[in-house]
Amino acid sequence: MDNPNDRVERLLALILLNQMKGESQRDKAVQLNLAGFSNLEIANILETNSAVIAQVLYEAKKNKVTKKANKKTSAK
């Protein structure tokens, strides 16, 4: 039987995903990552593999850094 904490975490993840209907896999993965889920857990929830999630999160982080750099450059 599942650990009760695992069930609670899974239910919270499902609630989060329900609120994000229509959002991209990238946005869902980022939010689940921010909630503390591992790449493997996110992959299981989104029915993909952890390599895809790792790449999605890497690109999201890279784009965030690029946007910050562009804002600093344009502010000068």
PDB file of N, CA and C in Angstrom:
ATOM      1  N   MET A   1       0.842  -1.188   0.000  1.00  0.00           N
ATOM      2  CA  MET A   1       0.000   0.000   0.000  1.00  0.00           C
ATOM      3  C   MET A   1       0.881   1.243   0.000  1.00  0.00           C
ATOM      4  N   ASP A   2       0.425   2.288  -0.642  1.00  0.00           N
ATOM      5  CA  ASP A   2       1.166   3.542  -0.717  1.00  0.00           C
ATOM      6  C   ASP A   2       1.330   4.167   0.655  1.00  0.00           C
ATOM      7  N   ASN A   3       2.441   4.847   0.810  1.00  0.00           N
ATOM      8  CA  ASN A   3       2.673   5.671   1.989  1.00  0.00           C
ATOM      9  C   ASN A   3       1.636   6.795   1.967  1.00  0.00           C
ATOM     10  N   PRO A   4       0.975   7.097   3.074  1.00  0.00           N
ATOM     11  CA  PRO A   4      -0.036   8.171   3.082  1.00  0.00           C
ATOM     12  C   PRO A   4       0.509   9.517   2.593  1.00  0.00           C
ATOM     13  N   ASN A   5       1.770   9.814   2.909  1.00  0.00           N
ATOM     14  CA  ASN A   5       2.363  11.070   2.440  1.00  0.00           C
ATOM     15  C   ASN A   5       2.497  11.089   0.923  1.00  0.00           C
ATOM     16  N   ASP A   6       2.830   9.932   0.336  1.00  0.00           N
ATOM     17  CA  ASP A   6       2.933   9.840  -1.120  1.00  0.00           C
ATOM     18  C   ASP A   6       1.581  10.104  -1.770  1.00  0.00           C
ATOM     19  N   ARG A   7       0.548   9.574  -1.160  1.00  0.00           N
ATOM     20  CA  ARG A   7      -0.800   9.782  -1.703  1.00  0.00           C
ATOM     21  C   ARG A   7      -1.194  11.250  -1.631  1.00  0.00           C
ATOM     22  N   VAL A   8      -0.870  11.899  -0.535  1.00  0.00           N
ATOM     23  CA  VAL A   8      -1.194  13.320  -0.374  1.00  0.00           C
ATOM     24  C   VAL A   8      -0.439  14.139  -1.419  1.00  0.00           C
ATOM     25  N   GLU A   9       0.849  13.845  -1.596  1.00  0.00           N
ATOM     26  CA  GLU A   9       1.635  14.571  -2.594  1.00  0.00           C
ATOM     27  C   GLU A   9       1.059  14.374  -3.988  1.00  0.00           C
ATOM     28  N   ARG A  10       0.686  13.147  -4.295  1.00  0.00           N
ATOM     29  CA  ARG A  10       0.120  12.860  -5.620  1.00  0.00           C
ATOM     30  C   ARG A  10      -1.207  13.600  -5.812  1.00  0.00           C
ATOM     31  N   LEU A  11      -2.036  13.622  -4.789  1.00  0.00           N
ATOM     32  CA  LEU A  11      -3.304  14.356  -4.876  1.00  0.00           C
ATOM     33  C   LEU A  11      -3.068  15.853  -5.080  1.00  0.00           C
ATOM     34  N   LEU A  12      -2.101  16.407  -4.363  1.00  0.00           N
ATOM     35  CA  LEU A  12      -1.783  17.827  -4.536  1.00  0.00           C
ATOM     36  C   LEU A  12      -1.275  18.102  -5.946  1.00  0.00           C
ATOM     37  N   ALA A  13      -0.482  17.194  -6.484  1.00  0.00           N
ATOM     38  CA  ALA A  13       0.006  17.349  -7.856  1.00  0.00           C
ATOM     39  C   ALA A  13      -1.160  17.319  -8.839  1.00  0.00           C
ATOM     40  N   LEU A  14      -2.094  16.418  -8.622  1.00  0.00           N
ATOM     41  CA  LEU A  14      -3.257  16.333  -9.510  1.00  0.00           C
ATOM     42  C   LEU A  14      -4.119  17.591  -9.428  1.00  0.00           C
ATOM     43  N   ILE A  15      -4.255  18.156  -8.235  1.00  0.00           N
ATOM     44  CA  ILE A  15      -5.005  19.410  -8.085  1.00  0.00           C
ATOM     45  C   ILE A  15      -4.303  20.530  -8.846  1.00  0.00           C
ATOM     46  N   LEU A  16      -2.977  20.604  -8.700  1.00  0.00           N
ATOM     47  CA  LEU A  16      -2.205  21.619  -9.423  1.00  0.00           C
ATOM     48  C   LEU A  16      -2.392  21.470 -10.927  1.00  0.00           C
ATOM     49  N   LEU A  17      -2.281  20.242 -11.423  1.00  0.00           N
ATOM     50  CA  LEU A  17      -2.431  20.007 -12.859  1.00  0.00           C
ATOM     51  C   LEU A  17      -3.848  20.318 -13.329  1.00  0.00           C
ATOM     52  N   ASN A  18      -4.835  20.036 -12.503  1.00  0.00           N
ATOM     53  CA  ASN A  18      -6.217  20.349 -12.853  1.00  0.00           C
ATOM     54  C   ASN A  18      -6.402  21.856 -13.024  1.00  0.00           C
ATOM     55  N   GLN A  19      -5.730  22.626 -12.186  1.00  0.00           N
ATOM     56  CA  GLN A  19      -5.800  24.084 -12.282  1.00  0.00           C
ATOM     57  C   GLN A  19      -5.057  24.607 -13.509  1.00  0.00           C
ATOM     58  N   MET A  20      -4.172  23.781 -14.070  1.00  0.00           N
ATOM     59  CA  MET A  20      -3.341  24.205 -15.198  1.00  0.00           C
ATOM     60  C   MET A  20      -3.806  23.603 -16.521  1.00  0.00           C
ATOM     61  N   LYS A  21      -5.054  23.182 -16.597  1.00  0.00           N
ATOM     62  CA  LYS A  21      -5.557  22.611 -17.849  1.00  0.00           C
ATOM     63  C   LYS A  21      -5.330  23.596 -18.983  1.00  0.00           C
ATOM     64  N   GLY A  22      -4.861  23.085 -20.103  1.00  0.00           N
ATOM     65  CA  GLY A  22      -4.613  23.930 -21.260  1.00  0.00           C
ATOM     66  C   GLY A  22      -3.210  24.516 -21.290  1.00  0.00           C
ATOM     67  N   GLU A  23      -2.472  24.400 -20.196  1.00  0.00           N
ATOM     68  CA  GLU A  23      -1.097  24.904 -20.159  1.00  0.00           C
ATOM     69  C   GLU A  23      -0.173  23.877 -20.808  1.00  0.00           C
ATOM     70  N   SER A  24       1.003  24.327 -21.203  1.00  0.00           N
ATOM     71  CA  SER A  24       1.964  23.443 -21.855  1.00  0.00           C
ATOM     72  C   SER A  24       2.594  22.477 -20.859  1.00  0.00           C
ATOM     73  N   GLN A  25       3.178  21.419 -21.400  1.00  0.00           N
ATOM     74  CA  GLN A  25       3.896  20.459 -20.568  1.00  0.00           C
ATOM     75  C   GLN A  25       5.035  21.169 -19.840  1.00  0.00           C
ATOM     76  N   ARG A  26       5.668  22.124 -20.513  1.00  0.00           N
ATOM     77  CA  ARG A  26       6.766  22.890 -19.924  1.00  0.00           C
ATOM     78  C   ARG A  26       6.294  23.617 -18.667  1.00  0.00           C
ATOM     79  N   ASP A  27       5.182  24.329 -18.781  1.00  0.00           N
ATOM     80  CA  ASP A  27       4.659  25.086 -17.639  1.00  0.00           C
ATOM     81  C   ASP A  27       4.283  24.163 -16.482  1.00  0.00           C
ATOM     82  N   LYS A  28       3.688  23.028 -16.808  1.00  0.00           N
ATOM     83  CA  LYS A  28       3.321  22.066 -15.771  1.00  0.00           C
ATOM     84  C   LYS A  28       4.570  21.519 -15.091  1.00  0.00           C
ATOM     85  N   ALA A  29       5.580  21.181 -15.884  1.00  0.00           N
ATOM     86  CA  ALA A  29       6.823  20.638 -15.327  1.00  0.00           C
ATOM     87  C   ALA A  29       7.501  21.656 -14.422  1.00  0.00           C
ATOM     88  N   VAL A  30       7.523  22.912 -14.840  1.00  0.00           N
ATOM     89  CA  VAL A  30       8.145  23.963 -14.031  1.00  0.00           C
ATOM     90  C   VAL A  30       7.414  24.109 -12.700  1.00  0.00           C
ATOM     91  N   GLN A  31       6.095  24.131 -12.725  1.00  0.00           N
ATOM     92  CA  GLN A  31       5.330  24.289 -11.488  1.00  0.00           C
ATOM     93  C   GLN A  31       5.519  23.094 -10.551  1.00  0.00           C
ATOM     94  N   LEU A  32       5.543  21.897 -11.110  1.00  0.00           N
ATOM     95  CA  LEU A  32       5.771  20.713 -10.281  1.00  0.00           C
ATOM     96  C   LEU A  32       7.181  20.729  -9.694  1.00  0.00           C
ATOM     97  N   ASN A  33       8.145  21.204 -10.476  1.00  0.00           N
ATOM     98  CA  ASN A  33       9.515  21.328  -9.982  1.00  0.00           C
ATOM     99  C   ASN A  33       9.577  22.335  -8.843  1.00  0.00           C
ATOM    100  N   LEU A  34       8.905  23.450  -8.997  1.00  0.00           N
ATOM    101  CA  LEU A  34       8.870  24.455  -7.936  1.00  0.00           C
ATOM    102  C   LEU A  34       8.198  23.916  -6.672  1.00  0.00           C
ATOM    103  N   ALA A  35       7.275  22.978  -6.856  1.00  0.00           N
ATOM    104  CA  ALA A  35       6.591  22.364  -5.717  1.00  0.00           C
ATOM    105  C   ALA A  35       7.458  21.301  -5.040  1.00  0.00           C
ATOM    106  N   GLY A  36       8.634  21.029  -5.608  1.00  0.00           N
ATOM    107  CA  GLY A  36       9.569  20.115  -4.965  1.00  0.00           C
ATOM    108  C   GLY A  36       9.605  18.699  -5.507  1.00  0.00           C
ATOM    109  N   PHE A  37       8.905  18.442  -6.599  1.00  0.00           N
ATOM    110  CA  PHE A  37       8.928  17.107  -7.182  1.00  0.00           C
ATOM    111  C   PHE A  37      10.220  16.902  -7.965  1.00  0.00           C
ATOM    112  N   SER A  38      10.734  15.676  -7.947  1.00  0.00           N
ATOM    113  CA  SER A  38      11.941  15.338  -8.706  1.00  0.00           C
ATOM    114  C   SER A  38      11.583  15.166 -10.180  1.00  0.00           C
ATOM    115  N   ASN A  39      12.618  15.138 -11.030  1.00  0.00           N
ATOM    116  CA  ASN A  39      12.383  14.938 -12.459  1.00  0.00           C
ATOM    117  C   ASN A  39      11.653  13.622 -12.720  1.00  0.00           C
ATOM    118  N   LEU A  40      12.036  12.579 -12.003  1.00  0.00           N
ATOM    119  CA  LEU A  40      11.392  11.278 -12.182  1.00  0.00           C
ATOM    120  C   LEU A  40       9.924  11.325 -11.760  1.00  0.00           C
ATOM    121  N   GLU A  41       9.640  11.975 -10.647  1.00  0.00           N
ATOM    122  CA  GLU A  41       8.252  12.102 -10.191  1.00  0.00           C
ATOM    123  C   GLU A  41       7.427  12.912 -11.191  1.00  0.00           C
ATOM    124  N   ILE A  42       8.003  13.996 -11.698  1.00  0.00           N
ATOM    125  CA  ILE A  42       7.303  14.822 -12.685  1.00  0.00           C
ATOM    126  C   ILE A  42       7.041  14.009 -13.945  1.00  0.00           C
ATOM    127  N   ALA A  43       8.042  13.258 -14.378  1.00  0.00           N
ATOM    128  CA  ALA A  43       7.889  12.424 -15.575  1.00  0.00           C
ATOM    129  C   ALA A  43       6.763  11.413 -15.393  1.00  0.00           C
ATOM    130  N   ASN A  44       6.696  10.802 -14.233  1.00  0.00           N
ATOM    131  CA  ASN A  44       5.618   9.836 -13.968  1.00  0.00           C
ATOM    132  C   ASN A  44       4.255  10.507 -13.977  1.00  0.00           C
ATOM    133  N   ILE A  45       4.164  11.676 -13.386  1.00  0.00           N
ATOM    134  CA  ILE A  45       2.891  12.399 -13.331  1.00  0.00           C
ATOM    135  C   ILE A  45       2.449  12.828 -14.728  1.00  0.00           C
ATOM    136  N   LEU A  46       3.402  13.321 -15.541  1.00  0.00           N
ATOM    137  CA  LEU A  46       3.079  13.826 -16.878  1.00  0.00           C
ATOM    138  C   LEU A  46       3.163  12.744 -17.955  1.00  0.00           C
ATOM    139  N   GLU A  47       3.423  11.507 -17.529  1.00  0.00           N
ATOM    140  CA  GLU A  47       3.473  10.357 -18.434  1.00  0.00           C
ATOM    141  C   GLU A  47       4.484  10.549 -19.560  1.00  0.00           C
ATOM    142  N   THR A  48       5.711  10.856 -19.171  1.00  0.00           N
ATOM    143  CA  THR A  48       6.822  10.973 -20.110  1.00  0.00           C
ATOM    144  C   THR A  48       8.041  10.391 -19.409  1.00  0.00           C
ATOM    145  N   ASN A  49       9.249  10.686 -19.907  1.00  0.00           N
ATOM    146  CA  ASN A  49      10.428  10.161 -19.214  1.00  0.00           C
ATOM    147  C   ASN A  49      11.251  11.292 -18.607  1.00  0.00           C
ATOM    148  N   SER A  50      12.106  10.932 -17.681  1.00  0.00           N
ATOM    149  CA  SER A  50      12.839  11.946 -16.914  1.00  0.00           C
ATOM    150  C   SER A  50      13.820  12.736 -17.769  1.00  0.00           C
ATOM    151  N   ALA A  51      14.314  12.145 -18.861  1.00  0.00           N
ATOM    152  CA  ALA A  51      15.221  12.879 -19.753  1.00  0.00           C
ATOM    153  C   ALA A  51      14.495  14.049 -20.415  1.00  0.00           C
ATOM    154  N   VAL A  52      13.254  13.835 -20.800  1.00  0.00           N
ATOM    155  CA  VAL A  52      12.452  14.912 -21.401  1.00  0.00           C
ATOM    156  C   VAL A  52      12.244  16.022 -20.378  1.00  0.00           C
ATOM    157  N   ILE A  53      11.911  15.663 -19.163  1.00  0.00           N
ATOM    158  CA  ILE A  53      11.676  16.657 -18.109  1.00  0.00           C
ATOM    159  C   ILE A  53      12.958  17.416 -17.805  1.00  0.00           C
ATOM    160  N   ALA A  54      14.078  16.711 -17.738  1.00  0.00           N
ATOM    161  CA  ALA A  54      15.360  17.377 -17.482  1.00  0.00           C
ATOM    162  C   ALA A  54      15.643  18.418 -18.556  1.00  0.00           C
ATOM    163  N   GLN A  55      15.389  18.080 -19.811  1.00  0.00           N
ATOM    164  CA  GLN A  55      15.626  19.016 -20.914  1.00  0.00           C
ATOM    165  C   GLN A  55      14.667  20.202 -20.851  1.00  0.00           C
ATOM    166  N   VAL A  56      13.410  19.928 -20.576  1.00  0.00           N
ATOM    167  CA  VAL A  56      12.399  20.991 -20.476  1.00  0.00           C
ATOM    168  C   VAL A  56      12.769  21.974 -19.368  1.00  0.00           C
ATOM    169  N   LEU A  57      13.162  21.456 -18.211  1.00  0.00           N
ATOM    170  CA  LEU A  57      13.519  22.324 -17.082  1.00  0.00           C
ATOM    171  C   LEU A  57      14.809  23.085 -17.354  1.00  0.00           C
ATOM    172  N   TYR A  58      15.760  22.443 -18.030  1.00  0.00           N
ATOM    173  CA  TYR A  58      17.009  23.114 -18.394  1.00  0.00           C
ATOM    174  C   TYR A  58      16.720  24.297 -19.315  1.00  0.00           C
ATOM    175  N   GLU A  59      15.904  24.062 -20.340  1.00  0.00           N
ATOM    176  CA  GLU A  59      15.571  25.129 -21.287  1.00  0.00           C
ATOM    177  C   GLU A  59      14.787  26.247 -20.608  1.00  0.00           C
ATOM    178  N   ALA A  60      13.890  25.900 -19.705  1.00  0.00           N
ATOM    179  CA  ALA A  60      13.113  26.920 -18.988  1.00  0.00           C
ATOM    180  C   ALA A  60      14.040  27.787 -18.143  1.00  0.00           C
ATOM    181  N   LYS A  61      14.983  27.158 -17.470  1.00  0.00           N
ATOM    182  CA  LYS A  61      15.936  27.900 -16.640  1.00  0.00           C
ATOM    183  C   LYS A  61      16.837  28.771 -17.513  1.00  0.00           C
ATOM    184  N   LYS A  62      17.291  28.223 -18.629  1.00  0.00           N
ATOM    185  CA  LYS A  62      18.151  28.960 -19.561  1.00  0.00           C
ATOM    186  C   LYS A  62      17.416  30.179 -20.115  1.00  0.00           C
ATOM    187  N   ASN A  63      16.166  30.007 -20.492  1.00  0.00           N
ATOM    188  CA  ASN A  63      15.375  31.123 -21.021  1.00  0.00           C
ATOM    189  C   ASN A  63      15.140  32.185 -19.960  1.00  0.00           C
ATOM    190  N   LYS A  64      14.965  31.787 -18.723  1.00  0.00           N
ATOM    191  CA  LYS A  64      14.761  32.743 -17.633  1.00  0.00           C
ATOM    192  C   LYS A  64      16.012  33.589 -17.438  1.00  0.00           C
ATOM    193  N   VAL A  65      17.189  32.967 -17.481  1.00  0.00           N
ATOM    194  CA  VAL A  65      18.457  33.689 -17.332  1.00  0.00           C
ATOM    195  C   VAL A  65      18.646  34.648 -18.498  1.00  0.00           C
ATOM    196  N   THR A  66      18.330  34.209 -19.709  1.00  0.00           N
ATOM    197  CA  THR A  66      18.461  35.056 -20.896  1.00  0.00           C
ATOM    198  C   THR A  66      17.540  36.262 -20.804  1.00  0.00           C
ATOM    199  N   LYS A  67      16.319  36.065 -20.353  1.00  0.00           N
ATOM    200  CA  LYS A  67      15.375  37.177 -20.215  1.00  0.00           C
ATOM    201  C   LYS A  67      15.866  38.181 -19.190  1.00  0.00           C
ATOM    202  N   LYS A  68      16.441  37.707 -18.072  1.00  0.00           N
ATOM    203  CA  LYS A  68      16.980  38.616 -17.058  1.00  0.00           C
ATOM    204  C   LYS A  68      18.132  39.429 -17.627  1.00  0.00           C
ATOM    205  N   ALA A  69      19.002  38.792 -18.400  1.00  0.00           N
ATOM    206  CA  ALA A  69      20.141  39.488 -18.996  1.00  0.00           C
ATOM    207  C   ALA A  69      19.659  40.545 -19.983  1.00  0.00           C
ATOM    208  N   ASN A  70      18.638  40.229 -20.753  1.00  0.00           N
ATOM    209  CA  ASN A  70      18.089  41.187 -21.713  1.00  0.00           C
ATOM    210  C   ASN A  70      17.462  42.379 -21.007  1.00  0.00           C
ATOM    211  N   LYS A  71      16.796  42.148 -19.880  1.00  0.00           N
ATOM    212  CA  LYS A  71      16.188  43.247 -19.126  1.00  0.00           C
ATOM    213  C   LYS A  71      17.253  44.181 -18.585  1.00  0.00           C
ATOM    214  N   LYS A  72      18.356  43.630 -18.085  1.00  0.00           N
ATOM    215  CA  LYS A  72      19.440  44.454 -17.556  1.00  0.00           C
ATOM    216  C   LYS A  72      20.074  45.284 -18.663  1.00  0.00           C
ATOM    217  N   THR A  73      20.253  44.700 -19.835  1.00  0.00           N
ATOM    218  CA  THR A  73      20.856  45.397 -20.962  1.00  0.00           C
ATOM    219  C   THR A  73      19.951  46.518 -21.457  1.00  0.00           C
ATOM    220  N   SER A  74      18.658  46.261 -21.545  1.00  0.00           N
ATOM    221  CA  SER A  74      17.728  47.274 -22.050  1.00  0.00           C
ATOM    222  C   SER A  74      17.465  48.375 -21.028  1.00  0.00           C
ATOM    223  N   ALA A  75      17.708  48.111 -19.758  1.00  0.00           N
ATOM    224  CA  ALA A  75      17.480  49.114 -18.711  1.00  0.00           C
ATOM    225  C   ALA A  75      18.585  50.164 -18.675  1.00  0.00           C
ATOM    226  N   LYS A  76      19.728  49.851 -19.256  1.00  0.00           N
ATOM    227  CA  LYS A  76      20.863  50.793 -19.232  1.00  0.00           C
ATOM    228  C   LYS A  76      20.715  51.900 -20.201  1.00  0.00           C
TER     229      LYS A  76
END
